[in-house]
Protein backbone atom coordinates (compact mmCIF):
# COMPACT_ATOMS: atom_id res chain seq x y z
CA SER A 1 -43.66 7.15 24.02
CA LYS A 2 -43.58 3.66 24.53
CA GLU A 3 -45.39 2.84 21.13
CA MET A 4 -43.00 4.97 18.93
CA LEU A 5 -39.72 3.55 21.38
CA ARG A 6 -40.87 -0.44 20.21
CA VAL A 7 -41.45 1.15 16.16
CA VAL A 8 -37.90 2.41 16.15
CA VAL A 9 -36.20 -0.98 18.13
CA LEU A 10 -38.34 -2.87 15.39
CA LEU A 11 -36.86 -0.50 12.47
CA LEU A 12 -33.70 -0.66 13.92
CA GLY A 13 -33.93 -4.77 14.15
CA ILE A 14 -34.51 -4.92 10.79
CA SER A 15 -32.63 -2.44 9.12
CA THR A 16 -29.50 -3.92 11.27
CA THR A 17 -30.41 -7.58 9.36
CA ALA A 18 -30.58 -6.03 5.57
CA GLY A 19 -27.09 -3.65 6.33
CA PHE A 20 -25.42 -6.69 7.26
CA LEU A 21 -26.68 -8.94 4.59
CA ALA A 22 -26.62 -6.62 1.58
CA PRO A 23 -23.86 -3.72 3.34
CA SER A 24 -23.90 -0.41 1.78
CA PRO A 25 -20.97 1.16 -0.57
CA ALA A 26 -20.31 3.24 2.72
CA ALA A 27 -19.87 0.04 4.36
CA LEU A 28 -17.01 -0.59 2.30
CA ARG A 29 -15.17 2.57 3.38
CA LEU A 30 -12.26 2.88 5.90
CA PRO A 31 -12.24 6.05 7.95
CA SER A 32 -10.57 9.09 6.93
CA ALA A 33 -8.09 9.80 9.98
CA GLY A 34 -10.58 12.97 11.25
CA SER A 35 -13.85 10.16 10.96
CA ALA A 36 -11.17 7.61 13.03
CA ALA A 37 -11.12 10.07 15.70
CA SER A 38 -14.39 10.84 16.08
CA ILE A 39 -15.19 6.97 16.15
CA ALA A 40 -13.05 6.78 18.67
CA LEU A 41 -14.81 7.73 21.90
CA SER A 42 -14.51 5.87 25.46
CA SER A 43 -16.96 3.35 25.63
CA ARG A 44 -18.96 4.99 28.72
CA THR A 45 -19.53 8.40 26.81
CA THR A 46 -20.70 5.92 23.36
CA SER A 47 -22.87 4.27 25.92
CA ARG A 48 -24.37 7.23 27.54
CA THR A 49 -24.92 8.63 24.00
CA LEU A 50 -26.40 6.07 22.13
CA SER A 51 -28.68 4.87 25.42
CA SER A 52 -29.84 8.87 25.22
CA SER A 53 -31.05 8.80 21.74
CA PRO A 54 -32.03 5.79 20.12
CA SER A 55 -32.71 7.25 16.63
CA LEU A 56 -28.58 8.33 16.73
CA LEU A 57 -28.38 4.44 17.35
CA ALA A 58 -29.88 3.62 14.52
CA THR A 59 -28.24 6.27 12.11
CA ASN A 60 -24.72 5.02 13.34
CA MET A 61 -25.66 1.14 12.85
CA VAL A 62 -27.42 1.50 9.48
CA MET A 63 -26.64 4.74 7.64
CA THR A 64 -22.85 4.45 8.43
CA PRO A 65 -21.74 1.30 9.88
CA VAL A 66 -19.51 1.69 12.93
CA GLY A 67 -15.80 1.53 12.45
CA TYR A 68 -16.58 2.94 8.82
CA GLY A 69 -17.22 6.50 7.34
CA LYS A 70 -16.67 8.92 4.61
CA HIS A 71 -13.32 8.44 3.32
CA HIS A 72 -10.86 11.74 1.88
CA LEU A 73 -9.99 9.80 -1.30
CA SER A 74 -12.70 9.56 -4.43
CA LYS A 75 -14.17 6.86 -5.46
CA GLU A 76 -12.24 6.71 -8.65
CA ARG A 77 -9.32 7.23 -6.89
CA ARG A 78 -9.94 4.15 -3.85
CA ALA A 79 -10.74 1.60 -7.26
CA GLU A 80 -7.67 2.69 -8.82
CA LEU A 81 -5.39 2.39 -5.65
CA GLU A 82 -6.91 -1.00 -5.26
CA ALA A 83 -6.69 -2.04 -8.90
CA THR A 84 -2.88 -1.53 -8.53
CA ALA A 85 -2.75 -3.51 -5.24
CA LYS A 86 -4.42 -6.41 -6.86
CA ALA A 87 -2.42 -6.46 -9.79
CA VAL A 88 0.68 -6.70 -7.59
CA ALA A 89 -0.59 -8.93 -6.07
CA THR A 90 -1.41 -11.82 -8.63
CA PHE A 91 -1.16 -15.30 -7.66
CA GLY A 92 2.78 -17.14 -8.83
CA LYS A 93 4.26 -13.86 -9.69
CA GLY A 94 6.45 -11.29 -7.37
CA ILE A 95 8.10 -7.99 -7.62
CA THR A 96 11.84 -7.30 -8.97
CA ALA A 97 13.34 -4.97 -7.10
CA CYS A 98 15.97 -2.72 -9.00
CA ASP A 99 16.14 0.58 -7.32
CA GLU A 100 19.41 0.94 -6.32
CA GLY A 101 20.78 4.42 -6.51
CA PRO A 102 23.72 4.75 -8.67
CA GLY A 103 26.24 4.74 -5.31
CA THR A 104 24.81 1.08 -4.68
CA ILE A 105 25.05 -0.20 -7.67
CA GLY A 106 28.15 1.43 -8.94
CA ASP A 107 29.63 -0.56 -5.88
CA ARG A 108 27.89 -3.63 -7.14
CA PHE A 109 29.49 -3.20 -10.78
CA GLN A 110 33.16 -2.31 -9.08
CA ASN A 111 32.91 -5.77 -6.67
CA VAL A 112 32.62 -7.30 -10.56
CA GLY A 113 34.98 -5.12 -12.59
CA ILE A 114 32.45 -3.11 -14.62
CA GLU A 115 32.43 0.78 -14.83
CA ASN A 116 29.93 2.30 -12.92
CA SER A 117 28.39 4.60 -16.50
CA GLU A 118 24.99 5.80 -16.93
CA GLU A 119 24.46 3.96 -19.86
CA ASN A 120 25.54 0.45 -18.21
CA ARG A 121 23.13 1.26 -15.29
CA ARG A 122 20.98 1.66 -18.57
CA LEU A 123 21.71 -1.98 -20.22
CA TYR A 124 21.94 -3.49 -16.64
CA ARG A 125 17.96 -2.61 -16.20
CA GLN A 126 16.84 -2.90 -20.07
CA MET A 127 18.26 -6.46 -19.41
CA LEU A 128 16.24 -6.95 -15.76
CA PHE A 129 12.87 -5.79 -17.95
CA THR A 130 13.08 -7.76 -20.75
CA ALA A 131 14.30 -11.26 -19.98
CA LYS A 132 12.43 -13.69 -21.84
CA ASP A 133 9.29 -14.89 -20.22
CA ALA A 134 9.81 -12.35 -17.27
CA GLU A 135 5.99 -11.16 -17.48
CA GLN A 136 5.32 -14.77 -16.72
CA TYR A 137 6.82 -14.21 -13.35
CA LEU A 138 6.55 -10.73 -12.87
CA SER A 139 3.77 -8.59 -11.40
CA ALA A 140 5.59 -5.35 -10.78
CA ALA A 141 9.62 -3.39 -10.74
CA ILE A 142 10.59 -0.83 -8.50
CA LEU A 143 12.75 1.38 -9.84
CA ASP A 144 15.42 4.34 -8.50
CA PRO A 145 14.38 7.63 -9.66
CA GLU A 146 17.12 7.63 -12.68
CA THR A 147 15.66 4.61 -13.95
CA VAL A 148 11.99 5.76 -14.09
CA TYR A 149 13.32 8.86 -16.72
CA GLN A 150 15.75 5.97 -18.34
CA LYS A 151 14.62 4.75 -22.06
CA ASP A 152 15.26 1.36 -23.43
CA ASP A 153 17.22 1.31 -26.89
CA ASN A 154 14.21 2.14 -28.86
CA GLY A 155 13.51 5.27 -27.01
CA VAL A 156 10.79 3.81 -25.10
CA PRO A 157 10.51 5.03 -21.22
CA PHE A 158 11.17 2.38 -18.77
CA PRO A 159 7.81 2.88 -17.20
CA GLU A 160 5.76 2.11 -20.55
CA LEU A 161 8.04 -0.69 -21.37
CA LEU A 162 7.38 -2.68 -18.50
CA ALA A 163 3.30 -1.50 -18.26
CA ALA A 164 3.20 -2.86 -21.98
CA LYS A 165 3.98 -6.14 -20.56
CA GLY A 166 1.89 -5.83 -17.89
CA ILE A 167 4.69 -5.52 -15.09
CA VAL A 168 3.30 -2.49 -13.10
CA PRO A 169 5.85 0.33 -12.81
CA GLY A 170 6.78 1.78 -9.21
CA VAL A 171 9.41 3.92 -7.38
CA LYS A 172 11.67 4.19 -4.67
CA PRO A 173 10.90 7.63 -3.32
CA HIS A 174 12.62 7.56 0.12
CA LEU A 175 16.46 9.14 0.47
CA LYS A 176 18.33 8.73 3.30
CA VAL A 177 19.13 6.85 6.59
CA TYR A 178 19.62 8.56 9.60
CA GLN A 179 20.45 7.62 13.31
CA ILE A 180 17.61 8.80 15.75
CA PRO A 181 19.56 11.86 17.95
CA GLY A 182 18.97 10.60 21.55
CA GLY A 183 18.23 6.60 20.41
CA ARG A 184 20.06 3.68 20.78
CA PRO A 185 23.42 3.40 18.03
CA GLN A 186 21.24 1.09 16.08
CA GLU A 187 18.12 2.83 16.12
CA THR A 188 18.08 4.90 13.02
CA VAL A 189 14.34 6.67 10.71
CA MET A 190 14.30 6.96 7.09
CA GLN A 191 14.21 10.19 5.44
CA GLY A 192 12.32 11.79 2.21
CA LEU A 193 8.88 12.58 3.65
CA ASP A 194 9.45 16.65 2.62
CA SER A 195 8.47 17.49 -0.63
CA LEU A 196 7.23 13.55 -1.25
CA ASN A 197 3.92 14.91 -3.09
CA VAL A 198 5.54 17.01 -5.52
CA ARG A 199 8.11 13.78 -6.39
CA ALA A 200 5.12 11.48 -6.08
CA ALA A 201 3.12 13.30 -8.55
CA GLU A 202 5.81 13.99 -10.85
CA TYR A 203 6.42 10.41 -10.94
CA TYR A 204 2.80 9.52 -10.89
CA ALA A 205 2.96 11.97 -14.14
CA ALA A 206 6.06 10.02 -15.81
CA GLY A 207 3.71 6.31 -15.72
CA CYS A 208 4.92 4.99 -12.03
CA ARG A 209 1.91 3.48 -9.96
CA PHE A 210 3.32 2.67 -6.81
CA ALA A 211 5.68 3.56 -4.50
CA LYS A 212 7.98 1.31 -2.09
CA TRP A 213 9.49 3.02 1.46
CA ARG A 214 12.01 1.18 3.71
CA SER A 215 12.05 1.65 7.18
CA PRO A 216 15.03 -0.25 8.42
CA LEU A 217 14.97 -2.02 12.43
CA THR A 218 17.21 -3.40 13.90
CA ILE A 219 16.69 -6.00 17.40
CA GLY A 220 18.86 -4.68 19.48
CA ALA A 221 20.86 -6.77 22.34
CA ASP A 222 18.01 -7.02 24.59
CA GLY A 223 15.73 -8.74 22.47
CA ASP A 224 13.66 -6.21 21.57
CA ILE A 225 13.62 -2.58 19.52
CA SER A 226 12.65 0.55 21.48
CA ASP A 227 9.06 2.25 21.56
CA LEU A 228 10.37 5.58 20.03
CA CYS A 229 11.99 3.91 17.16
CA ILE A 230 9.27 2.23 16.06
CA LYS A 231 6.46 4.81 16.65
CA ALA A 232 8.95 6.83 14.31
CA ASN A 233 9.38 4.86 11.85
CA MET A 234 5.83 3.16 11.58
CA GLU A 235 4.52 6.94 11.82
CA ASP A 236 6.40 7.82 9.07
CA LEU A 237 5.41 4.68 6.75
CA ALA A 238 2.17 5.96 7.40
CA ARG A 239 2.62 9.47 6.50
CA TYR A 240 4.87 8.36 3.07
CA ALA A 241 1.71 6.17 2.49
CA LEU A 242 -0.83 8.86 2.77
CA ILE A 243 0.74 11.08 1.04
CA CYS A 244 1.40 8.68 -2.33
CA GLN A 245 -2.22 7.79 -2.44
CA SER A 246 -3.48 10.94 -2.31
CA GLU A 247 -1.68 11.36 -5.47
CA GLY A 248 -2.20 8.20 -7.30
CA LEU A 249 0.84 5.86 -6.24
CA MET A 250 0.10 2.52 -4.28
CA PRO A 251 1.89 2.39 -1.41
CA ILE A 252 4.21 -0.70 -0.60
CA VAL A 253 5.10 -0.46 2.99
CA GLU A 254 8.67 -2.17 4.33
CA PRO A 255 9.19 -2.46 7.94
CA ASP A 256 12.58 -4.26 7.39
CA ILE A 257 13.83 -5.80 10.58
CA VAL A 258 17.38 -6.80 9.29
CA LEU A 259 19.28 -9.90 10.48
CA LEU A 260 21.91 -8.16 12.71
CA GLY A 261 22.19 -9.97 16.00
CA ASP A 262 21.70 -13.99 17.67
CA TYR A 263 18.50 -13.44 18.74
CA ASP A 264 15.95 -16.72 18.25
CA LEU A 265 12.62 -17.34 16.09
CA GLU A 266 10.55 -16.89 18.91
CA THR A 267 11.63 -13.55 19.27
CA ALA A 268 11.56 -12.63 15.89
CA VAL A 269 8.11 -13.40 16.13
CA ASP A 270 7.24 -11.37 18.72
CA VAL A 271 8.75 -8.20 17.62
CA ASN A 272 7.64 -8.70 14.41
CA THR A 273 3.97 -9.20 15.64
CA LYS A 274 4.58 -6.00 18.00
CA VAL A 275 6.00 -4.15 14.87
CA GLN A 276 3.39 -4.67 12.24
CA ALA A 277 0.79 -3.96 14.59
CA ALA A 278 1.70 -0.64 15.49
CA LEU A 279 2.18 -0.06 11.34
CA TYR A 280 -1.30 -0.77 10.98
CA LYS A 281 -2.41 1.00 13.53
CA SER A 282 -0.45 4.42 12.13
CA MET A 283 -2.24 3.24 8.85
CA VAL A 284 -5.86 3.46 10.28
CA ASP A 285 -4.94 6.44 12.43
CA HIS A 286 -3.46 8.48 9.54
CA GLY A 287 -6.71 7.22 7.33
CA VAL A 288 -4.69 5.47 4.41
CA TRP A 289 -7.10 3.20 2.17
CA MET A 290 -5.90 -0.40 3.54
CA GLU A 291 -7.15 -2.18 0.32
CA GLY A 292 -5.22 -0.60 -1.71
CA SER A 293 -1.59 -0.74 0.16
CA THR A 294 0.88 -3.40 0.05
CA LEU A 295 3.11 -5.04 2.62
CA LYS A 296 6.88 -5.88 1.80
CA PRO A 297 8.39 -7.58 5.02
CA ASN A 298 11.53 -9.95 5.82
CA MET A 299 10.51 -13.09 6.49
CA VAL A 300 10.47 -14.11 10.21
CA ASN A 301 13.90 -15.68 10.67
CA PRO A 302 16.16 -15.92 13.67
CA GLY A 303 19.42 -13.41 13.87
CA LYS A 304 22.62 -15.01 11.88
CA ALA A 305 24.26 -15.03 14.25
CA CYS A 306 21.44 -17.61 16.32
CA PRO A 307 22.90 -20.50 18.01
CA LYS A 308 19.74 -22.39 17.65
CA THR A 309 19.20 -24.33 14.97
CA TYR A 310 15.39 -23.65 13.01
CA THR A 311 13.56 -25.91 9.90
CA CYS A 312 12.67 -24.23 6.84
CA GLU A 313 9.36 -25.11 7.86
CA GLU A 314 9.46 -23.53 11.65
CA ILE A 315 9.87 -20.82 9.97
CA GLY A 316 7.17 -20.61 7.22
CA GLU A 317 5.04 -20.91 10.46
CA ALA A 318 6.23 -18.11 12.63
CA THR A 319 5.85 -15.94 9.05
CA ILE A 320 2.37 -16.96 8.91
CA ALA A 321 1.96 -16.94 12.61
CA VAL A 322 2.85 -13.27 12.61
CA LEU A 323 0.30 -12.21 9.26
CA ARG A 324 -2.18 -13.85 11.36
CA ARG A 325 -2.11 -12.44 14.44
CA VAL A 326 -2.34 -8.93 13.16
CA MET A 327 -2.57 -7.98 9.57
CA PRO A 328 -5.52 -6.53 8.00
CA ALA A 329 -7.69 -8.63 5.40
CA ALA A 330 -8.38 -6.14 3.84
CA MET A 331 -4.71 -5.99 2.39
CA ARG A 332 -4.18 -8.06 -0.72
CA GLY A 333 -0.62 -8.93 -0.92
CA VAL A 334 2.26 -9.58 1.12
CA ASN A 335 6.28 -9.51 -1.00
CA PHE A 336 8.74 -10.39 0.77
CA LEU A 337 11.96 -8.81 0.63
CA SER A 338 15.33 -11.67 0.32
CA GLY A 339 17.29 -9.80 3.10
CA GLY A 340 20.92 -11.06 1.92
CA GLN A 341 19.59 -14.69 1.61
CA SER A 342 20.78 -16.64 -1.56
CA LEU A 343 18.18 -16.99 -3.92
CA GLU A 344 17.99 -20.75 -3.01
CA ASN A 345 17.40 -20.33 0.64
CA ALA A 346 14.78 -17.47 -0.34
CA ALA A 347 12.72 -19.83 -2.28
CA ALA A 348 12.49 -22.62 0.03
CA ARG A 349 11.54 -20.32 2.96
CA LEU A 350 8.96 -18.46 0.55
CA SER A 351 7.84 -21.58 -0.71
CA SER A 352 7.14 -22.68 3.00
CA ILE A 353 5.55 -20.20 4.13
CA ASN A 354 2.87 -20.05 0.97
CA LYS A 355 2.37 -23.98 1.82
CA ALA A 356 1.81 -22.74 5.72
CA LYS A 357 -0.43 -20.79 4.74
CA GLY A 358 -4.20 -22.56 4.81
CA ASN A 359 -7.25 -20.42 4.33
CA SER A 360 -5.01 -16.61 4.86
CA PRO A 361 -6.12 -14.55 3.17
CA TRP A 362 -3.67 -12.90 1.17
CA ASN A 363 -1.62 -13.24 -1.68
CA LEU A 364 2.06 -14.33 -0.75
CA SER A 365 5.25 -13.99 -3.18
CA PHE A 366 8.64 -11.87 -3.54
CA SER A 367 9.63 -8.32 -3.71
CA TRP A 368 13.96 -9.31 -4.43
CA SER A 369 16.99 -7.85 -5.23
CA GLN A 370 20.09 -9.66 -4.19
CA ALA A 371 18.72 -12.96 -4.37
CA LEU A 372 18.19 -12.47 -8.13
CA GLN A 373 20.99 -10.02 -9.23
CA LEU A 374 23.98 -11.06 -6.57
CA PRO A 375 24.55 -14.15 -8.97
CA LEU A 376 23.79 -12.54 -12.24
CA LEU A 377 26.92 -9.91 -11.60
CA GLU A 378 28.93 -13.09 -10.77
CA LEU A 379 29.34 -14.08 -14.24
CA CYS A 380 31.37 -10.65 -14.49
CA LYS A 381 34.13 -12.17 -12.85
CA LYS A 382 34.90 -14.85 -15.71
CA TYR A 383 36.05 -11.55 -17.85
CA PRO A 384 38.25 -9.30 -17.55
CA LYS A 385 37.92 -5.42 -15.55
CA GLY A 386 36.25 -2.84 -17.73
CA SER A 387 34.58 -5.90 -20.29
CA PRO A 388 31.02 -5.06 -21.33
CA LEU A 389 28.21 -6.21 -19.20
CA PRO A 390 27.54 -10.22 -20.43
CA LEU A 391 24.16 -9.15 -20.84
CA GLU A 392 22.92 -12.40 -22.69
CA GLU A 393 24.00 -14.56 -20.31
CA MET A 394 22.45 -12.57 -17.73
CA SER A 395 19.38 -12.62 -19.00
CA GLU A 396 19.74 -16.13 -19.42
CA LEU A 397 20.00 -16.42 -15.76
CA LEU A 398 16.97 -14.28 -14.36
CA THR A 399 15.20 -16.12 -16.26
CA MET A 400 15.89 -19.77 -14.53
CA GLU A 401 16.25 -17.32 -11.26
CA LEU A 402 12.37 -16.43 -11.92
CA ALA A 403 11.34 -19.47 -12.25
CA ILE A 404 12.16 -20.39 -9.32
CA ALA A 405 11.16 -17.32 -7.31
CA GLY A 406 7.80 -17.83 -9.15
CA ALA A 407 7.62 -21.45 -8.30
CA ALA A 408 8.39 -20.59 -4.85
CA ALA A 409 5.26 -17.79 -5.07
CA ARG A 410 2.92 -20.63 -5.86
CA GLY A 411 4.30 -22.70 -2.86
CA GLU A 412 5.80 -25.26 -5.54
CA TYR A 413 9.46 -24.91 -4.79
CA ASP A 414 11.23 -28.36 -4.45
CA ALA A 415 13.85 -27.84 -2.27
CA SER A 416 17.07 -30.33 -1.17
CA PRO A 417 16.92 -31.66 2.32
CA GLY A 418 18.08 -28.52 4.58
CA GLN A 419 17.69 -25.51 2.49
CA GLY A 420 16.42 -22.94 3.93
CA ASP A 421 16.88 -23.88 7.17
CA HIS A 422 18.95 -22.25 9.85
CA GLN A 423 22.01 -23.45 11.52
CA GLY A 424 23.00 -22.85 14.50
CA VAL A 425 26.06 -20.43 14.89
CA SER A 426 28.65 -21.62 17.28
CA PRO A 427 29.65 -18.41 19.78
CA VAL A 428 32.84 -18.57 18.72
CA THR A 429 32.29 -19.17 14.95
CA PRO A 430 32.66 -15.15 13.21
CA VAL A 431 29.70 -14.33 11.37
CA ASP A 432 29.24 -12.45 8.11
CA MET A 433 26.34 -9.74 9.84
CA THR A 434 26.58 -7.51 6.38
CA ASP A 435 23.95 -7.38 4.07
CA LYS A 436 26.40 -8.64 1.10
CA GLY A 437 26.01 -6.63 -1.96
CA THR A 438 24.94 -3.32 -1.05
CA GLY A 439 26.28 -0.02 -0.17
CA THR A 440 25.38 2.72 2.71
CA LEU A 441 24.90 5.41 0.05
CA ASP A 442 22.50 8.14 -0.28
CA ARG A 443 20.17 10.00 -2.62
CA ASP A 444 23.35 11.68 -4.13
CA GLY A 445 26.14 8.22 -3.64
CA THR A 446 28.13 9.77 -0.24
CA LYS A 447 29.30 6.55 1.21
CA THR A 448 28.53 6.46 5.05
CA GLY A 449 29.89 3.03 6.45
CA GLY A 450 30.20 1.76 9.88
CA PHE A 451 27.02 0.03 11.58
CA PHE A 452 24.69 1.36 8.52
CA ALA A 453 26.37 -1.22 6.67
CA GLY A 454 24.20 -3.76 7.78
CA LEU A 455 20.86 -1.96 6.90
CA PHE A 456 20.87 -1.26 3.29
CA GLY A 457 19.77 -5.16 1.83
CA LYS A 458 16.82 -5.63 -0.25
């Protein structure tokens, strides 16, 4: 009757207002893959259904707000994932990425005359974790599976050692990069989803609380990445994130657009926006708990061979522009990879990014490997081949490097004039198009070579 309809409308208005002022716990949950699909009705179907059923409209808006629903993860698991994401996103702190496999770190050792033994790898990683004041600048550490099961000199497992310092231990579970069959020569996909749930459970039991998966992408000569390559990689990142969350590991997703090529900054903005938009859609479509995840992207830079010159400030503004266009506010943190940049350039650019941040809601920090480690390894060149690692010197230098990284994460790094700028490259000037200090190795250390040499930066 008209009187009943009037009462329903009145109650709907009151309940809706109350819902916006004091959202229920259900309003704080993202949909699972199934509920997301049920919500994604056509506008015609939705309008017809709701208009013909006022009571259904009231239920949708009050009991289950549009865009939200039940989630496959328990309340306790979601809280744990969010707590890990929050800890990783601690202001002024960042991630040390020391997840190179035995083959990759072995190449770096060989380049500076150090024997690639398991004991040297253990001693080196121990130094990275125990440098003076490291916990003041590090919120997390990404470990290779080998390092997860190694111990310090006192017999303490590295994940336990890190956790005691307030540094969240995590792991790299992906395996090897392959070219996409039928795709462009430079388009690849990362392997390792098979049995990931079993490995993730083992890593969690060993003390890890997050994981990181890298999907390298290359902008082609046409200034773009194919839809096939983007879809394959972003859906893999979403599946990885979903599996990790189900086993208690907070997923760090890493869509890494490498610096190969001569594309300009404007192209970089367009392509990074396209890739990240696809990533977040895939994550939501798969039912990933966004509040319990973290982004590890490249800074938005022009290609190494770009002939145009850009200031450090322009690079910072471009990076923020991409995040503001597509990144969900639900995600707490962004930890930028260094991608072959020197520590000084990476720090200058990260500081510029933070200065351009404005009121953006995310913590913007670092997750660096090469930028921090390559200068440490350079110290070894002073000594005869086969000498022990100069661990004390390395530790002192690392403390100074971490202070620089921490200042950049706060937007307080004092860069010298021109530092962090991209200097335009003449078309006739040779450009080193590889990521220095990295190898092209799979899980068992087999070298792949060729084009892939540019794909394994951190």
